[in-house]
Every structure is written in C-alpha cells, then in structure tokens.
Amino acid sequence: MTSPRLYFTLNQAQHRLRKHIDRRCLAETGASSAQLGAMFYIRDHEPCSQGDIAAAFGQDESAATGMLARMQKGGFIARRRSPDDRRVAEVTLTEAGRAALEKADVMLAAFNRRLTRGFSRAEMTVVQQFLERTIDRVDKGEL
C-alpha cells in the first residue's frame, strides 16, 4: 500500500537528514556534506575537470565553480590548468582534503549504521532499490 504522502515524507526525511549531516560534517571535517560528496568524487577520478564534477552531481558548471571556489579557499582542493587544454581546470585533493575524507569515512560509516539500525538487510535492499529506481525514473523523464 502506498502512502498518499510519500513524496512529502521523502522530502521531509531528506531535508532533516541533510541539515543533520551538514552540521555533523562541518563540525567534524570543516566541510559540508555537498563538499565532501565532491571530494569523494574527486578522490575516485583524480584529476578531474570542473565539468566532470558538475555532471556527476547534476549541476550546471557555474554552480560547481562556486562550490569548488569555496573548497579551494578552505584548502580542500587545488585547481590548475590542464596541460592538454588550457581552457580546462583540473581539480585534485590537497592533504587537507584527504584528511577531511578520512574523518568523513569514519563518521559516515557510523552514521549509516545508526540510520539503518532496526532494519533487516532485505528491508534495506528494498529501500535502496526504491530510491535508485526513483532516481532513474526521474532521469528518464518517466515521472
């Protein structure tokens, strides 16, 4: 049975989780959850372009540029012109960025354990599938 307030409930959960985790991330790493998400992407695709980061998060490049500027000012990333294409800025993590990610890994693992406490593996699989399918359907224009 589906709830007629499913979207509202999902939206409230997302909003409250984001506010909570942002406070924790800032307090423990000095970076927001969005910045940490970008740093995880950068770590896995280093060096990468600002355009790569924007595309990975569904942002336009100007929004990513602003976030990356704040991350650079915070000392988490370095940007340099690509030796292959001077129009492209390559982004890499600094030591401070790597240190923030180490703290985030520990913090987020503990948070995910608390978040899923009381749910079976099978229940969490269904939740994960629901969320992934919802994202996919939105991306395909089916909703």
C-alpha atoms as a PDB file:
ATOM      1  CA  MET A   1       0.000   0.000   0.000  1.00  0.00           C
ATOM      2  CA  THR A   2       1.455   3.362  -0.958  1.00  0.00           C
ATOM      3  CA  SER A   3       1.099   6.438   1.159  1.00  0.00           C
ATOM      4  CA  PRO A   4      -0.615   9.406  -0.473  1.00  0.00           C
ATOM      5  CA  ARG A   5       2.025  11.487   1.310  1.00  0.00           C
ATOM      6  CA  LEU A   6       5.038   9.510   0.076  1.00  0.00           C
ATOM      7  CA  TYR A   7       6.648  12.474  -1.679  1.00  0.00           C
ATOM      8  CA  PHE A   8       6.090  14.709   1.348  1.00  0.00           C
ATOM      9  CA  THR A   9       7.580  12.102   3.685  1.00  0.00           C
ATOM     10  CA  LEU A  10      10.602  11.556   1.421  1.00  0.00           C
ATOM     11  CA  ASN A  11      11.115  15.309   1.183  1.00  0.00           C
ATOM     12  CA  GLN A  12      10.923  15.761   4.955  1.00  0.00           C
ATOM     13  CA  ALA A  13      13.332  12.889   5.576  1.00  0.00           C
ATOM     14  CA  GLN A  14      15.801  14.259   3.010  1.00  0.00           C
ATOM     15  CA  HIS A  15      15.591  17.788   4.417  1.00  0.00           C
ATOM     16  CA  ARG A  16      16.091  16.710   8.026  1.00  0.00           C
ATOM     17  CA  LEU A  17      18.879  14.259   7.174  1.00  0.00           C
ATOM     18  CA  ARG A  18      20.714  16.894   5.115  1.00  0.00           C
ATOM     19  CA  LYS A  19      20.514  19.516   7.871  1.00  0.00           C
ATOM     20  CA  HIS A  20      21.657  16.993  10.487  1.00  0.00           C
ATOM     21  CA  ILE A  21      24.523  15.567   8.462  1.00  0.00           C
ATOM     22  CA  ASP A  22      25.660  19.017   7.299  1.00  0.00           C
ATOM     23  CA  ARG A  23      26.023  20.134  10.920  1.00  0.00           C
ATOM     24  CA  ARG A  24      27.971  16.964  11.738  1.00  0.00           C
ATOM     25  CA  CYS A  25      30.170  17.182   8.644  1.00  0.00           C
ATOM     26  CA  LEU A  26      31.037  20.822   9.263  1.00  0.00           C
ATOM     27  CA  ALA A  27      31.785  20.178  12.930  1.00  0.00           C
ATOM     28  CA  GLU A  28      33.931  17.093  12.327  1.00  0.00           C
ATOM     29  CA  THR A  29      35.620  17.822   8.979  1.00  0.00           C
ATOM     30  CA  GLY A  30      35.202  21.534   8.279  1.00  0.00           C
ATOM     31  CA  ALA A  31      33.391  20.743   5.017  1.00  0.00           C
ATOM     32  CA  SER A  32      29.702  20.480   4.134  1.00  0.00           C
ATOM     33  CA  SER A  33      28.161  17.199   3.023  1.00  0.00           C
ATOM     34  CA  ALA A  34      27.966  18.528  -0.552  1.00  0.00           C
ATOM     35  CA  GLN A  35      31.649  19.439  -0.461  1.00  0.00           C
ATOM     36  CA  LEU A  36      32.523  16.018   0.931  1.00  0.00           C
ATOM     37  CA  GLY A  37      30.486  14.389  -1.828  1.00  0.00           C
ATOM     38  CA  ALA A  38      32.501  16.329  -4.381  1.00  0.00           C
ATOM     39  CA  MET A  39      35.735  15.361  -2.615  1.00  0.00           C
ATOM     40  CA  PHE A  40      34.776  11.670  -2.717  1.00  0.00           C
ATOM     41  CA  TYR A  41      34.165  12.043  -6.456  1.00  0.00           C
ATOM     42  CA  ILE A  42      37.462  13.879  -6.956  1.00  0.00           C
ATOM     43  CA  ARG A  43      39.338  11.214  -4.981  1.00  0.00           C
ATOM     44  CA  ASP A  44      37.927   8.488  -7.220  1.00  0.00           C
ATOM     45  CA  HIS A  45      38.508  10.379 -10.515  1.00  0.00           C
ATOM     46  CA  GLU A  46      41.586  12.474  -9.816  1.00  0.00           C
ATOM     47  CA  PRO A  47      42.497  14.613 -11.638  1.00  0.00           C
ATOM     48  CA  CYS A  48      39.098  15.605 -12.978  1.00  0.00           C
ATOM     49  CA  SER A  49      37.608  18.687 -14.537  1.00  0.00           C
ATOM     50  CA  GLN A  50      35.075  21.064 -13.064  1.00  0.00           C
ATOM     51  CA  GLY A  51      32.732  19.925 -15.833  1.00  0.00           C
ATOM     52  CA  ASP A  52      33.119  16.285 -14.753  1.00  0.00           C
ATOM     53  CA  ILE A  53      32.183  17.223 -11.192  1.00  0.00           C
ATOM     54  CA  ALA A  54      29.185  19.286 -12.312  1.00  0.00           C
ATOM     55  CA  ALA A  55      27.911  16.444 -14.499  1.00  0.00           C
ATOM     56  CA  ALA A  56      28.369  13.858 -11.749  1.00  0.00           C
ATOM     57  CA  PHE A  57      26.108  15.872  -9.423  1.00  0.00           C
ATOM     58  CA  GLY A  58      23.610  17.117 -11.996  1.00  0.00           C
ATOM     59  CA  GLN A  59      24.703  20.739 -11.580  1.00  0.00           C
ATOM     60  CA  ASP A  60      25.430  23.389 -14.128  1.00  0.00           C
ATOM     61  CA  GLU A  61      29.077  24.300 -14.311  1.00  0.00           C
ATOM     62  CA  SER A  62      28.606  27.715 -12.674  1.00  0.00           C
ATOM     63  CA  ALA A  63      27.172  26.112  -9.513  1.00  0.00           C
ATOM     64  CA  ALA A  64      30.068  23.660  -9.376  1.00  0.00           C
ATOM     65  CA  THR A  65      32.539  26.504  -9.914  1.00  0.00           C
ATOM     66  CA  GLY A  66      31.174  28.347  -6.876  1.00  0.00           C
ATOM     67  CA  MET A  67      31.357  25.276  -4.668  1.00  0.00           C
ATOM     68  CA  LEU A  68      34.853  24.456  -5.870  1.00  0.00           C
ATOM     69  CA  ALA A  69      35.966  28.033  -5.168  1.00  0.00           C
ATOM     70  CA  ARG A  70      34.782  27.653  -1.565  1.00  0.00           C
ATOM     71  CA  MET A  71      36.536  24.278  -1.314  1.00  0.00           C
ATOM     72  CA  GLN A  72      39.753  25.778  -2.663  1.00  0.00           C
ATOM     73  CA  LYS A  73      39.509  28.672  -0.210  1.00  0.00           C
ATOM     74  CA  GLY A  74      39.025  26.087   2.568  1.00  0.00           C
ATOM     75  CA  GLY A  75      42.202  24.320   1.458  1.00  0.00           C
ATOM     76  CA  PHE A  76      40.495  21.062   0.433  1.00  0.00           C
ATOM     77  CA  ILE A  77      41.271  21.129  -3.298  1.00  0.00           C
ATOM     78  CA  ALA A  78      43.748  22.552  -5.772  1.00  0.00           C
ATOM     79  CA  ARG A  79      42.882  23.681  -9.286  1.00  0.00           C
ATOM     80  CA  ARG A  80      45.298  24.083 -12.155  1.00  0.00           C
ATOM     81  CA  ARG A  81      45.023  24.466 -15.888  1.00  0.00           C
ATOM     82  CA  SER A  82      45.202  21.235 -17.839  1.00  0.00           C
ATOM     83  CA  PRO A  83      48.477  20.860 -19.714  1.00  0.00           C
ATOM     84  CA  ASP A  84      46.459  19.333 -22.587  1.00  0.00           C
ATOM     85  CA  ASP A  85      43.754  22.011 -22.797  1.00  0.00           C
ATOM     86  CA  ARG A  86      44.337  25.385 -21.135  1.00  0.00           C
ATOM     87  CA  ARG A  87      40.555  26.038 -21.078  1.00  0.00           C
ATOM     88  CA  VAL A  88      40.050  23.132 -18.646  1.00  0.00           C
ATOM     89  CA  ALA A  89      40.794  23.371 -14.933  1.00  0.00           C
ATOM     90  CA  GLU A  90      41.938  20.102 -13.370  1.00  0.00           C
ATOM     91  CA  VAL A  91      40.892  19.506  -9.787  1.00  0.00           C
ATOM     92  CA  THR A  92      42.843  17.461  -7.242  1.00  0.00           C
ATOM     93  CA  LEU A  93      42.620  16.957  -3.499  1.00  0.00           C
ATOM     94  CA  THR A  94      45.059  18.560  -1.111  1.00  0.00           C
ATOM     95  CA  GLU A  95      46.355  16.853   2.016  1.00  0.00           C
ATOM     96  CA  ALA A  96      43.672  18.753   3.970  1.00  0.00           C
ATOM     97  CA  GLY A  97      41.051  17.338   1.612  1.00  0.00           C
ATOM     98  CA  ARG A  98      42.345  13.809   2.092  1.00  0.00           C
ATOM     99  CA  ALA A  99      42.354  14.283   5.871  1.00  0.00           C
ATOM    100  CA  ALA A 100      38.751  15.535   5.775  1.00  0.00           C
ATOM    101  CA  LEU A 101      37.733  12.452   3.779  1.00  0.00           C
ATOM    102  CA  GLU A 102      39.402  10.122   6.286  1.00  0.00           C
ATOM    103  CA  LYS A 103      37.342  11.728   9.068  1.00  0.00           C
ATOM    104  CA  ALA A 104      34.226  11.626   6.891  1.00  0.00           C
ATOM    105  CA  ASP A 105      34.683   7.912   6.121  1.00  0.00           C
ATOM    106  CA  VAL A 106      34.617   7.072   9.828  1.00  0.00           C
ATOM    107  CA  MET A 107      31.794   9.487  10.649  1.00  0.00           C
ATOM    108  CA  LEU A 108      29.584   8.403   7.736  1.00  0.00           C
ATOM    109  CA  ALA A 109      30.090   4.692   8.395  1.00  0.00           C
ATOM    110  CA  ALA A 110      28.897   5.191  11.972  1.00  0.00           C
ATOM    111  CA  PHE A 111      26.015   7.381  10.786  1.00  0.00           C
ATOM    112  CA  ASN A 112      24.894   4.780   8.228  1.00  0.00           C
ATOM    113  CA  ARG A 113      24.948   2.090  10.928  1.00  0.00           C
ATOM    114  CA  ARG A 114      22.690   4.253  13.123  1.00  0.00           C
ATOM    115  CA  LEU A 115      20.453   5.152  10.179  1.00  0.00           C
ATOM    116  CA  THR A 116      19.821   1.516   9.249  1.00  0.00           C
ATOM    117  CA  ARG A 117      19.560   0.167  12.811  1.00  0.00           C
ATOM    118  CA  GLY A 118      16.400  -1.879  13.253  1.00  0.00           C
ATOM    119  CA  PHE A 119      16.052  -2.761   9.563  1.00  0.00           C
ATOM    120  CA  SER A 120      16.934  -6.122   8.087  1.00  0.00           C
ATOM    121  CA  ARG A 121      19.321  -6.438   5.164  1.00  0.00           C
ATOM    122  CA  ALA A 122      16.346  -7.416   2.976  1.00  0.00           C
ATOM    123  CA  GLU A 123      14.400  -4.311   4.031  1.00  0.00           C
ATOM    124  CA  MET A 124      17.376  -2.071   3.297  1.00  0.00           C
ATOM    125  CA  THR A 125      17.778  -3.716  -0.099  1.00  0.00           C
ATOM    126  CA  VAL A 126      14.176  -2.791  -0.938  1.00  0.00           C
ATOM    127  CA  VAL A 127      14.688   0.795   0.227  1.00  0.00           C
ATOM    128  CA  GLN A 128      17.894   1.074  -1.828  1.00  0.00           C
ATOM    129  CA  GLN A 129      16.180  -0.341  -4.905  1.00  0.00           C
ATOM    130  CA  PHE A 130      13.228   2.028  -4.488  1.00  0.00           C
ATOM    131  CA  LEU A 131      15.478   5.073  -4.228  1.00  0.00           C
ATOM    132  CA  GLU A 132      17.704   4.033  -7.153  1.00  0.00           C
ATOM    133  CA  ARG A 133      14.697   3.293  -9.363  1.00  0.00           C
ATOM    134  CA  THR A 134      13.126   6.625  -8.422  1.00  0.00           C
ATOM    135  CA  ILE A 135      16.307   8.461  -9.419  1.00  0.00           C
ATOM    136  CA  ASP A 136      16.462   6.513 -12.678  1.00  0.00           C
ATOM    137  CA  ARG A 137      12.805   7.205 -13.500  1.00  0.00           C
ATOM    138  CA  VAL A 138      13.239  10.914 -12.854  1.00  0.00           C
ATOM    139  CA  ASP A 139      16.368  10.987 -15.028  1.00  0.00           C
ATOM    140  CA  LYS A 140      14.472   9.222 -17.832  1.00  0.00           C
ATOM    141  CA  GLY A 141      11.542  11.643 -17.571  1.00  0.00           C
ATOM    142  CA  GLU A 142       9.096   8.924 -16.534  1.00  0.00           C
ATOM    143  CA  LEU A 143       7.686  10.779 -13.527  1.00  0.00           C
END
